[in-house]
C-alpha atoms as a PDB file:
ATOM      1  CA  MET A   1       1.107  18.682   3.257  1.00  0.00           C
ATOM      2  CA  PRO A   2       2.439  19.252  -0.517  1.00  0.00           C
ATOM      3  CA  ASN A   3       1.405  21.373  -2.104  1.00  0.00           C
ATOM      4  CA  LEU A   4      -0.153  20.939  -6.181  1.00  0.00           C
ATOM      5  CA  GLU A   5       3.190  22.036  -7.223  1.00  0.00           C
ATOM      6  CA  ASN A   6       5.449  19.304  -5.478  1.00  0.00           C
ATOM      7  CA  LEU A   7       2.915  16.469  -6.737  1.00  0.00           C
ATOM      8  CA  ARG A   8       3.267  17.358 -10.289  1.00  0.00           C
ATOM      9  CA  LYS A   9       7.170  16.780  -9.994  1.00  0.00           C
ATOM     10  CA  GLN A  10       6.782  13.229  -8.067  1.00  0.00           C
ATOM     11  CA  ALA A  11       4.136  12.611 -10.737  1.00  0.00           C
ATOM     12  CA  LYS A  12       7.004  13.423 -13.365  1.00  0.00           C
ATOM     13  CA  LEU A  13       9.583  11.302 -10.998  1.00  0.00           C
ATOM     14  CA  ILE A  14       7.330   8.576 -11.529  1.00  0.00           C
ATOM     15  CA  LEU A  15       7.075   8.574 -15.446  1.00  0.00           C
ATOM     16  CA  ARG A  16      10.882   9.184 -15.342  1.00  0.00           C
ATOM     17  CA  TRP A  17      11.548   6.133 -13.194  1.00  0.00           C
ATOM     18  CA  HIS A  18       9.266   4.071 -15.480  1.00  0.00           C
ATOM     19  CA  ARG A  19      10.967   4.959 -18.878  1.00  0.00           C
ATOM     20  CA  ASP A  20      14.178   4.603 -17.245  1.00  0.00           C
ATOM     21  CA  ARG A  21      13.219   0.879 -16.248  1.00  0.00           C
ATOM     22  CA  TYR A  22      13.604   1.483 -12.655  1.00  0.00           C
ATOM     23  CA  PHE A  23      12.344  -1.667 -11.423  1.00  0.00           C
ATOM     24  CA  PRO A  24      11.182  -0.412  -7.743  1.00  0.00           C
ATOM     25  CA  VAL A  25       8.977   1.799  -9.183  1.00  0.00           C
ATOM     26  CA  ALA A  26       6.681  -1.116 -10.704  1.00  0.00           C
ATOM     27  CA  ALA A  27       5.919  -2.107  -7.343  1.00  0.00           C
ATOM     28  CA  GLN A  28       4.422   0.812  -6.843  1.00  0.00           C
ATOM     29  CA  ILE A  29       2.272   1.304  -9.911  1.00  0.00           C
ATOM     30  CA  ARG A  30       0.999  -2.123  -9.917  1.00  0.00           C
ATOM     31  CA  SER A  31       0.040  -1.586  -6.011  1.00  0.00           C
ATOM     32  CA  GLY A  32      -2.112   1.903  -7.421  1.00  0.00           C
ATOM     33  CA  LEU A  33      -3.383   0.987 -10.717  1.00  0.00           C
ATOM     34  CA  SER A  34      -5.722  -1.772 -10.844  1.00  0.00           C
ATOM     35  CA  ARG A  35      -4.748  -2.356 -14.170  1.00  0.00           C
ATOM     36  CA  TYR A  36      -1.557  -3.325 -14.015  1.00  0.00           C
ATOM     37  CA  ALA A  37      -2.275  -5.690 -11.165  1.00  0.00           C
ATOM     38  CA  GLY A  38      -0.954  -9.440 -11.862  1.00  0.00           C
ATOM     39  CA  MET A  39       2.015  -8.410 -14.118  1.00  0.00           C
ATOM     40  CA  THR A  40       5.177  -9.143 -13.135  1.00  0.00           C
ATOM     41  CA  ASP A  41       7.920  -6.347 -12.935  1.00  0.00           C
ATOM     42  CA  SER A  42       8.883  -6.691 -16.644  1.00  0.00           C
ATOM     43  CA  ASP A  43       5.856  -5.935 -17.692  1.00  0.00           C
ATOM     44  CA  VAL A  44       4.627  -3.332 -16.067  1.00  0.00           C
ATOM     45  CA  LEU A  45       8.074  -1.319 -17.049  1.00  0.00           C
ATOM     46  CA  ALA A  46       6.921  -2.541 -20.747  1.00  0.00           C
ATOM     47  CA  GLN A  47       3.475  -1.104 -20.706  1.00  0.00           C
ATOM     48  CA  SER A  48       2.297   1.971 -22.064  1.00  0.00           C
ATOM     49  CA  PHE A  49       2.549   4.666 -19.173  1.00  0.00           C
ATOM     50  CA  LYS A  50       1.947   8.300 -19.849  1.00  0.00           C
ATOM     51  CA  LEU A  51       2.260  11.624 -17.449  1.00  0.00           C
ATOM     52  CA  SER A  52      -1.570  11.250 -16.965  1.00  0.00           C
ATOM     53  CA  ASP A  53      -0.919   7.591 -15.408  1.00  0.00           C
ATOM     54  CA  ALA A  54       1.742   8.914 -13.041  1.00  0.00           C
ATOM     55  CA  GLN A  55      -0.696  11.657 -12.291  1.00  0.00           C
ATOM     56  CA  GLU A  56      -3.416   9.214 -11.731  1.00  0.00           C
ATOM     57  CA  LEU A  57      -0.814   6.658  -8.967  1.00  0.00           C
ATOM     58  CA  VAL A  58       0.023  10.044  -7.558  1.00  0.00           C
ATOM     59  CA  ALA A  59      -4.011  10.732  -6.735  1.00  0.00           C
ATOM     60  CA  ARG A  60      -4.821   7.321  -5.324  1.00  0.00           C
ATOM     61  CA  GLN A  61      -1.929   7.358  -3.096  1.00  0.00           C
ATOM     62  CA  TYR A  62      -2.865  10.331  -1.663  1.00  0.00           C
ATOM     63  CA  GLY A  63      -6.785   8.762  -1.317  1.00  0.00           C
ATOM     64  CA  PHE A  64      -8.072  10.035  -4.608  1.00  0.00           C
ATOM     65  CA  GLN A  65      -9.870   8.422  -7.791  1.00  0.00           C
ATOM     66  CA  SER A  66      -8.162  10.826  -9.748  1.00  0.00           C
ATOM     67  CA  TRP A  67      -5.753  13.594 -10.614  1.00  0.00           C
ATOM     68  CA  GLN A  68      -8.757  16.166 -10.599  1.00  0.00           C
ATOM     69  CA  ALA A  69     -10.116  14.962  -7.502  1.00  0.00           C
ATOM     70  CA  LEU A  70      -7.051  15.335  -5.980  1.00  0.00           C
ATOM     71  CA  LYS A  71      -6.509  18.967  -7.087  1.00  0.00           C
ATOM     72  CA  THR A  72     -10.145  19.727  -5.888  1.00  0.00           C
ATOM     73  CA  GLY A  73      -9.749  17.787  -2.692  1.00  0.00           C
ATOM     74  CA  LEU A  74      -6.273  19.449  -2.072  1.00  0.00           C
ATOM     75  CA  PRO A  75      -6.904  22.634  -0.186  1.00  0.00           C
ATOM     76  CA  THR A  76      -9.615  20.509   2.524  1.00  0.00           C
ATOM     77  CA  MET A  77      -6.372  18.034   3.109  1.00  0.00           C
ATOM     78  CA  SER A  78      -4.421  21.004   3.795  1.00  0.00           C
ATOM     79  CA  GLU A  79      -6.404  22.857   6.163  1.00  0.00           C
ATOM     80  CA  HIS A  80      -6.834  19.418   7.686  1.00  0.00           C
ATOM     81  CA  ALA A  81      -3.534  19.091   8.386  1.00  0.00           C
ATOM     82  CA  GLN A  82      -2.706  21.948   9.595  1.00  0.00           C
ATOM     83  CA  SER A  83      -5.402  21.662  12.569  1.00  0.00           C
ATOM     84  CA  VAL A  84      -3.877  17.549  13.256  1.00  0.00           C
ATOM     85  CA  SER A  85      -0.895  16.748  14.010  1.00  0.00           C
ATOM     86  CA  ALA A  86       0.341  13.604  12.730  1.00  0.00           C
ATOM     87  CA  LYS A  87       3.565  11.809  12.955  1.00  0.00           C
ATOM     88  CA  ALA A  88       4.641   9.727   9.934  1.00  0.00           C
ATOM     89  CA  VAL A  89       3.665   5.973  10.081  1.00  0.00           C
ATOM     90  CA  ILE A  90       6.749   3.818   9.045  1.00  0.00           C
ATOM     91  CA  THR A  91       5.414   0.533   7.167  1.00  0.00           C
ATOM     92  CA  ALA A  92       8.193  -2.057   7.345  1.00  0.00           C
ATOM     93  CA  ALA A  93      11.677  -2.467   7.701  1.00  0.00           C
ATOM     94  CA  GLU A  94      13.869  -4.017   5.453  1.00  0.00           C
ATOM     95  CA  PRO A  95      17.603  -5.989   6.069  1.00  0.00           C
ATOM     96  CA  GLN A  96      19.732  -5.479   3.249  1.00  0.00           C
ATOM     97  CA  LEU A  97      22.673  -8.057   3.137  1.00  0.00           C
ATOM     98  CA  PHE A  98      25.826  -7.479   1.334  1.00  0.00           C
ATOM     99  CA  VAL A  99      27.172 -10.225  -0.818  1.00  0.00           C
ATOM    100  CA  ALA A 100      29.880 -10.715  -3.493  1.00  0.00           C
ATOM    101  CA  ASP A 101      28.106 -12.668  -6.191  1.00  0.00           C
ATOM    102  CA  ILE A 102      24.208 -11.666  -6.816  1.00  0.00           C
ATOM    103  CA  ARG A 103      23.324 -14.425  -8.710  1.00  0.00           C
ATOM    104  CA  ALA A 104      24.779 -17.151  -6.251  1.00  0.00           C
ATOM    105  CA  SER A 105      23.064 -15.451  -3.526  1.00  0.00           C
ATOM    106  CA  ILE A 106      19.686 -15.115  -5.278  1.00  0.00           C
ATOM    107  CA  ALA A 107      19.784 -18.974  -6.487  1.00  0.00           C
ATOM    108  CA  PHE A 108      20.537 -19.375  -2.615  1.00  0.00           C
ATOM    109  CA  PHE A 109      17.488 -17.576  -1.440  1.00  0.00           C
ATOM    110  CA  ALA A 110      15.561 -18.963  -3.759  1.00  0.00           C
ATOM    111  CA  ASP A 111      16.589 -22.436  -3.933  1.00  0.00           C
ATOM    112  CA  LYS A 112      17.909 -22.983  -0.157  1.00  0.00           C
ATOM    113  CA  LEU A 113      15.095 -20.499   1.847  1.00  0.00           C
ATOM    114  CA  GLY A 114      12.259 -20.416  -0.479  1.00  0.00           C
ATOM    115  CA  PHE A 115      12.070 -16.712  -1.435  1.00  0.00           C
ATOM    116  CA  ALA A 116      11.556 -15.709  -4.851  1.00  0.00           C
ATOM    117  CA  GLU A 117      13.082 -13.050  -6.776  1.00  0.00           C
ATOM    118  CA  ALA A 118      11.304  -9.401  -6.995  1.00  0.00           C
ATOM    119  CA  PHE A 119      13.597  -7.514  -9.179  1.00  0.00           C
ATOM    120  CA  THR A 120      17.266  -6.893 -10.289  1.00  0.00           C
ATOM    121  CA  TYR A 121      19.034  -3.542 -11.397  1.00  0.00           C
ATOM    122  CA  GLY A 122      21.817  -2.913 -12.900  1.00  0.00           C
ATOM    123  CA  GLU A 123      23.493  -3.954 -15.797  1.00  0.00           C
ATOM    124  CA  PRO A 124      24.910  -6.304 -14.825  1.00  0.00           C
ATOM    125  CA  PRO A 125      22.781  -6.759 -11.815  1.00  0.00           C
ATOM    126  CA  PHE A 126      24.248  -4.997  -8.383  1.00  0.00           C
ATOM    127  CA  TYR A 127      21.226  -4.674  -6.270  1.00  0.00           C
ATOM    128  CA  ALA A 128      18.000  -7.392  -5.759  1.00  0.00           C
ATOM    129  CA  GLN A 129      15.312  -7.862  -3.707  1.00  0.00           C
ATOM    130  CA  LEU A 130      14.135 -10.898  -2.798  1.00  0.00           C
ATOM    131  CA  SER A 131      10.401 -12.053  -0.891  1.00  0.00           C
ATOM    132  CA  ARG A 132       8.733 -15.054   0.559  1.00  0.00           C
ATOM    133  CA  ASP A 133       5.224 -14.121   2.089  1.00  0.00           C
ATOM    134  CA  GLY A 134       5.756 -11.413   4.304  1.00  0.00           C
ATOM    135  CA  ALA A 135       9.437 -10.689   4.194  1.00  0.00           C
ATOM    136  CA  ARG A 136      11.613  -8.575   2.131  1.00  0.00           C
ATOM    137  CA  ILE A 137      15.274  -8.979   1.697  1.00  0.00           C
ATOM    138  CA  ASN A 138      17.574  -6.458   0.292  1.00  0.00           C
ATOM    139  CA  LEU A 139      21.034  -8.123  -1.820  1.00  0.00           C
ATOM    140  CA  ARG A 140      23.644  -5.300  -2.360  1.00  0.00           C
ATOM    141  CA  CYS A 141      27.075  -6.417  -4.266  1.00  0.00           C
ATOM    142  CA  VAL A 142      30.035  -5.293  -3.149  1.00  0.00           C
ATOM    143  CA  ASP A 143      33.792  -5.878  -3.930  1.00  0.00           C
ATOM    144  CA  ARG A 144      34.875  -6.572  -0.531  1.00  0.00           C
ATOM    145  CA  PRO A 145      34.027  -7.849   3.229  1.00  0.00           C
ATOM    146  CA  VAL A 146      32.411  -5.464   4.912  1.00  0.00           C
ATOM    147  CA  ILE A 147      32.614  -6.628   7.940  1.00  0.00           C
ATOM    148  CA  ASP A 148      35.138  -8.977   9.790  1.00  0.00           C
ATOM    149  CA  ALA A 149      34.204 -12.670   9.148  1.00  0.00           C
ATOM    150  CA  GLU A 150      35.650 -14.132  12.954  1.00  0.00           C
ATOM    151  CA  LEU A 151      34.008 -11.289  15.007  1.00  0.00           C
ATOM    152  CA  ARG A 152      30.518 -11.699  13.181  1.00  0.00           C
ATOM    153  CA  ASP A 153      30.978 -15.378  14.066  1.00  0.00           C
ATOM    154  CA  ARG A 154      32.677 -15.028  17.386  1.00  0.00           C
ATOM    155  CA  GLU A 155      29.598 -12.743  18.706  1.00  0.00           C
ATOM    156  CA  GLN A 156      26.812 -14.113  16.523  1.00  0.00           C
ATOM    157  CA  LEU A 157      25.874 -10.873  14.614  1.00  0.00           C
ATOM    158  CA  LEU A 158      23.080 -10.872  12.674  1.00  0.00           C
ATOM    159  CA  ALA A 159      22.287  -9.745   9.578  1.00  0.00           C
ATOM    160  CA  ALA A 160      18.354 -10.311   9.554  1.00  0.00           C
ATOM    161  CA  TYR A 161      15.638 -12.042  11.081  1.00  0.00           C
ATOM    162  CA  LEU A 162      13.367 -14.471   9.484  1.00  0.00           C
ATOM    163  CA  THR A 163      10.180 -14.174  11.896  1.00  0.00           C
ATOM    164  CA  VAL A 164       7.414 -16.944  12.487  1.00  0.00           C
ATOM    165  CA  ALA A 165       4.165 -16.743  14.300  1.00  0.00           C
ATOM    166  CA  THR A 166       4.238 -20.039  16.150  1.00  0.00           C
ATOM    167  CA  ALA A 167       6.978 -22.364  17.766  1.00  0.00           C
ATOM    168  CA  ASP A 168       5.847 -24.924  15.483  1.00  0.00           C
ATOM    169  CA  ASP A 169       6.566 -22.843  12.493  1.00  0.00           C
ATOM    170  CA  ILE A 170      10.048 -22.805  13.749  1.00  0.00           C
ATOM    171  CA  LYS A 171      10.681 -26.780  13.683  1.00  0.00           C
ATOM    172  CA  ALA A 172       8.889 -26.801  10.172  1.00  0.00           C
ATOM    173  CA  LEU A 173      11.121 -23.991   8.815  1.00  0.00           C
ATOM    174  CA  PHE A 174      14.315 -25.733  10.114  1.00  0.00           C
ATOM    175  CA  LEU A 175      13.133 -29.452   8.834  1.00  0.00           C
ATOM    176  CA  GLU A 176      12.387 -27.525   5.314  1.00  0.00           C
ATOM    177  CA  TYR A 177      15.849 -25.473   4.643  1.00  0.00           C
ATOM    178  CA  GLN A 178      17.343 -28.822   6.443  1.00  0.00           C
ATOM    179  CA  ALA A 179      15.660 -30.993   3.782  1.00  0.00           C
ATOM    180  CA  ALA A 180      16.924 -28.120   1.022  1.00  0.00           C
ATOM    181  CA  GLY A 181      19.987 -28.568   2.333  1.00  0.00           C
ATOM    182  CA  ALA A 182      20.655 -24.915   3.764  1.00  0.00           C
ATOM    183  CA  THR A 183      24.157 -23.763   5.831  1.00  0.00           C
ATOM    184  CA  PHE A 184      23.052 -23.867   9.749  1.00  0.00           C
ATOM    185  CA  PHE A 185      25.434 -21.861  11.406  1.00  0.00           C
ATOM    186  CA  GLN A 186      23.298 -22.963  14.258  1.00  0.00           C
ATOM    187  CA  THR A 187      20.610 -25.365  14.402  1.00  0.00           C
ATOM    188  CA  LEU A 188      17.283 -25.485  15.825  1.00  0.00           C
ATOM    189  CA  ARG A 189      17.712 -25.228  20.054  1.00  0.00           C
ATOM    190  CA  ARG A 190      16.426 -23.875  22.612  1.00  0.00           C
ATOM    191  CA  GLU A 191      17.702 -20.510  23.955  1.00  0.00           C
ATOM    192  CA  PRO A 192      17.935 -20.086  28.083  1.00  0.00           C
ATOM    193  CA  TRP A 193      15.091 -17.270  27.956  1.00  0.00           C
ATOM    194  CA  GLY A 194      12.845 -20.516  26.137  1.00  0.00           C
ATOM    195  CA  ALA A 195      12.815 -19.580  22.307  1.00  0.00           C
ATOM    196  CA  ARG A 196      13.386 -21.669  19.796  1.00  0.00           C
ATOM    197  CA  ASP A 197      15.700 -20.721  17.167  1.00  0.00           C
ATOM    198  CA  PHE A 198      17.946 -21.783  14.358  1.00  0.00           C
ATOM    199  CA  ILE A 199      20.554 -19.892  12.042  1.00  0.00           C
ATOM    200  CA  VAL A 200      21.231 -19.971   8.936  1.00  0.00           C
ATOM    201  CA  ARG A 201      24.761 -19.182   6.538  1.00  0.00           C
ATOM    202  CA  ASP A 202      24.567 -17.663   3.096  1.00  0.00           C
ATOM    203  CA  PRO A 203      26.975 -17.576   0.510  1.00  0.00           C
ATOM    204  CA  ASP A 204      28.546 -14.879   1.996  1.00  0.00           C
ATOM    205  CA  GLY A 205      28.597 -16.029   5.647  1.00  0.00           C
ATOM    206  CA  ASN A 206      25.911 -13.398   6.246  1.00  0.00           C
ATOM    207  CA  LEU A 207      23.984 -15.108   9.402  1.00  0.00           C
ATOM    208  CA  SER A 208      20.391 -14.752   9.347  1.00  0.00           C
ATOM    209  CA  ALA A 209      18.090 -16.031  12.382  1.00  0.00           C
ATOM    210  CA  ALA A 210      14.588 -17.835  12.102  1.00  0.00           C
ATOM    211  CA  VAL A 211      12.536 -17.062  15.565  1.00  0.00           C
ATOM    212  CA  ARG A 212       8.830 -16.165  16.556  1.00  0.00           C
ATOM    213  CA  GLY A 213       7.785 -13.061  16.876  1.00  0.00           C
ATOM    214  CA  ALA A 214       8.863 -12.712  20.633  1.00  0.00           C
ATOM    215  CA  GLY A 215      12.352 -14.675  20.564  1.00  0.00           C
ATOM    216  CA  ARG A 216      14.716 -11.900  19.505  1.00  0.00           C
ATOM    217  CA  GLN A 217      17.321 -11.435  22.009  1.00  0.00           C
ATOM    218  CA  ARG A 218      20.463 -11.108  19.751  1.00  0.00           C
ATOM    219  CA  ARG A 219      22.751  -9.184  18.274  1.00  0.00           C
ATOM    220  CA  VAL A 220      22.432  -7.542  15.245  1.00  0.00           C
ATOM    221  CA  ALA A 221      25.125  -6.607  12.798  1.00  0.00           C
END
């Protein structure tokens, strides 16, 4: 359990990220403070944001309504933490694809695969995140390929899974991508283990497989 001094440092870090227009912090602010809900990342970073706001955000992330409530309740939390042994909870994992042109890749995922740009970072941008429904894909610009293309294609080394709930969703997604003109490494087919899937290829050659939740049986790069 962090002590109060560490929480103060955390709040100051959030404040500095906001002042530096570090886009990933906008999502934290929007999800933790209701007055920023509905704003875009750019709007959040354009708003006035003080140390007291950052402290309130930290408090809410720990389940308190205010910084004062956090300071009052912290000793109780510390005592409880000493009596209960709990593992940290990993809430999600996100693939990171290496690309040569951030803007071209964003256009591909938006126009062909139905993703929306969450944020870009850098001037010019070298990092981006895209989202669709519950999925997140991160893009990182590099100046040379990081995986052997022949090996990737031969072994079908995947950069990401696009997971859907049902077999009907697999077919619907395939038809959507086909109509949008996406490039397929493998079209829709039934695998030996019974699952139906397909694989799309992005402009950098990265392979992403669309599968039903229980249908993952492939290698991942």
